[in-house]
Amino acid sequence: MLDALYPLPFLSAAMPAGWVGAIVFLAGLGLLVWAAATFRRAGTRIETVQPTTTIVRQGSLPLQP
């Protein structure tokens, strides 16, 4: 809505917005895969409706609850 009222030039007209969206999507997907792999290595559950089995503070060093 704000862009319709007061557009700010974020990208040049030559840069297709689809490419920017694809880059952001791939970065998010990469972050998701990295986080899931870290949780699996630590042995904790990824499902948010299940109880936590291990708390992961950094990297792959698990803490026992």
C-alpha atoms as a PDB file:
ATOM      1  CA  MET A   1       0.000   0.000   0.000  1.00  0.00           C
ATOM      2  CA  LEU A   2       2.819   2.379   0.878  1.00  0.00           C
ATOM      3  CA  ASP A   3       4.520   1.632  -2.438  1.00  0.00           C
ATOM      4  CA  ALA A   4       1.347   2.643  -4.291  1.00  0.00           C
ATOM      5  CA  LEU A   5       1.157   5.957  -2.403  1.00  0.00           C
ATOM      6  CA  TYR A   6       4.861   6.817  -2.331  1.00  0.00           C
ATOM      7  CA  PRO A   7       7.001   4.552  -4.534  1.00  0.00           C
ATOM      8  CA  LEU A   8      10.665   4.417  -3.665  1.00  0.00           C
ATOM      9  CA  PRO A   9      13.178   3.355  -6.324  1.00  0.00           C
ATOM     10  CA  PHE A  10      14.531   0.131  -4.833  1.00  0.00           C
ATOM     11  CA  LEU A  11      15.688  -1.457  -8.081  1.00  0.00           C
ATOM     12  CA  SER A  12      16.472  -0.067 -11.470  1.00  0.00           C
ATOM     13  CA  ALA A  13      13.887  -0.700 -14.152  1.00  0.00           C
ATOM     14  CA  ALA A  14      16.383  -2.952 -15.959  1.00  0.00           C
ATOM     15  CA  MET A  15      16.477  -5.450 -13.040  1.00  0.00           C
ATOM     16  CA  PRO A  16      13.494  -7.828 -13.182  1.00  0.00           C
ATOM     17  CA  ALA A  17      11.761  -8.135  -9.814  1.00  0.00           C
ATOM     18  CA  GLY A  18      11.342 -11.878 -10.392  1.00  0.00           C
ATOM     19  CA  TRP A  19      15.091 -12.395 -10.111  1.00  0.00           C
ATOM     20  CA  VAL A  20      15.233 -10.541  -6.817  1.00  0.00           C
ATOM     21  CA  GLY A  21      12.338 -12.626  -5.513  1.00  0.00           C
ATOM     22  CA  ALA A  22      14.057 -15.825  -6.618  1.00  0.00           C
ATOM     23  CA  ILE A  23      17.277 -14.834  -4.845  1.00  0.00           C
ATOM     24  CA  VAL A  24      15.427 -14.046  -1.611  1.00  0.00           C
ATOM     25  CA  PHE A  25      13.484 -17.322  -1.879  1.00  0.00           C
ATOM     26  CA  LEU A  26      16.650 -19.376  -2.404  1.00  0.00           C
ATOM     27  CA  ALA A  27      18.386 -17.648   0.514  1.00  0.00           C
ATOM     28  CA  GLY A  28      15.419 -18.494   2.755  1.00  0.00           C
ATOM     29  CA  LEU A  29      15.357 -22.075   1.524  1.00  0.00           C
ATOM     30  CA  GLY A  30      19.078 -22.420   2.234  1.00  0.00           C
ATOM     31  CA  LEU A  31      18.569 -21.087   5.755  1.00  0.00           C
ATOM     32  CA  LEU A  32      15.729 -23.561   6.310  1.00  0.00           C
ATOM     33  CA  VAL A  33      17.851 -26.523   5.179  1.00  0.00           C
ATOM     34  CA  TRP A  34      20.809 -25.398   7.347  1.00  0.00           C
ATOM     35  CA  ALA A  35      18.598 -24.987  10.433  1.00  0.00           C
ATOM     36  CA  ALA A  36      16.892 -28.359   9.923  1.00  0.00           C
ATOM     37  CA  ALA A  37      20.272 -30.092   9.510  1.00  0.00           C
ATOM     38  CA  THR A  38      21.573 -28.420  12.687  1.00  0.00           C
ATOM     39  CA  PHE A  39      18.503 -29.539  14.651  1.00  0.00           C
ATOM     40  CA  ARG A  40      18.765 -33.103  13.325  1.00  0.00           C
ATOM     41  CA  ARG A  41      22.466 -33.315  14.235  1.00  0.00           C
ATOM     42  CA  ALA A  42      21.616 -32.140  17.741  1.00  0.00           C
ATOM     43  CA  GLY A  43      18.877 -34.768  18.006  1.00  0.00           C
ATOM     44  CA  THR A  44      16.013 -32.385  18.707  1.00  0.00           C
ATOM     45  CA  ARG A  45      12.583 -32.326  17.126  1.00  0.00           C
ATOM     46  CA  ILE A  46      11.808 -29.934  14.309  1.00  0.00           C
ATOM     47  CA  GLU A  47       8.017 -30.147  14.669  1.00  0.00           C
ATOM     48  CA  THR A  48       6.751 -27.200  16.697  1.00  0.00           C
ATOM     49  CA  VAL A  49       3.821 -29.124  18.198  1.00  0.00           C
ATOM     50  CA  GLN A  50       6.086 -31.772  19.787  1.00  0.00           C
ATOM     51  CA  PRO A  51       8.031 -31.318  23.044  1.00  0.00           C
ATOM     52  CA  THR A  52      11.635 -30.135  22.894  1.00  0.00           C
ATOM     53  CA  THR A  53      14.196 -32.884  23.454  1.00  0.00           C
ATOM     54  CA  THR A  54      17.376 -30.772  23.163  1.00  0.00           C
ATOM     55  CA  ILE A  55      18.060 -27.031  23.196  1.00  0.00           C
ATOM     56  CA  VAL A  56      20.428 -25.883  20.444  1.00  0.00           C
ATOM     57  CA  ARG A  57      22.200 -22.621  21.292  1.00  0.00           C
ATOM     58  CA  GLN A  58      24.817 -22.530  18.550  1.00  0.00           C
ATOM     59  CA  GLY A  59      26.206 -24.719  15.812  1.00  0.00           C
ATOM     60  CA  SER A  60      25.695 -28.361  16.646  1.00  0.00           C
ATOM     61  CA  LEU A  61      26.460 -28.338  20.386  1.00  0.00           C
ATOM     62  CA  PRO A  62      23.344 -29.711  22.130  1.00  0.00           C
ATOM     63  CA  LEU A  63      22.396 -28.899  25.725  1.00  0.00           C
ATOM     64  CA  GLN A  64      20.378 -31.327  27.767  1.00  0.00           C
ATOM     65  CA  PRO A  65      17.140 -29.809  29.161  1.00  0.00           C
END
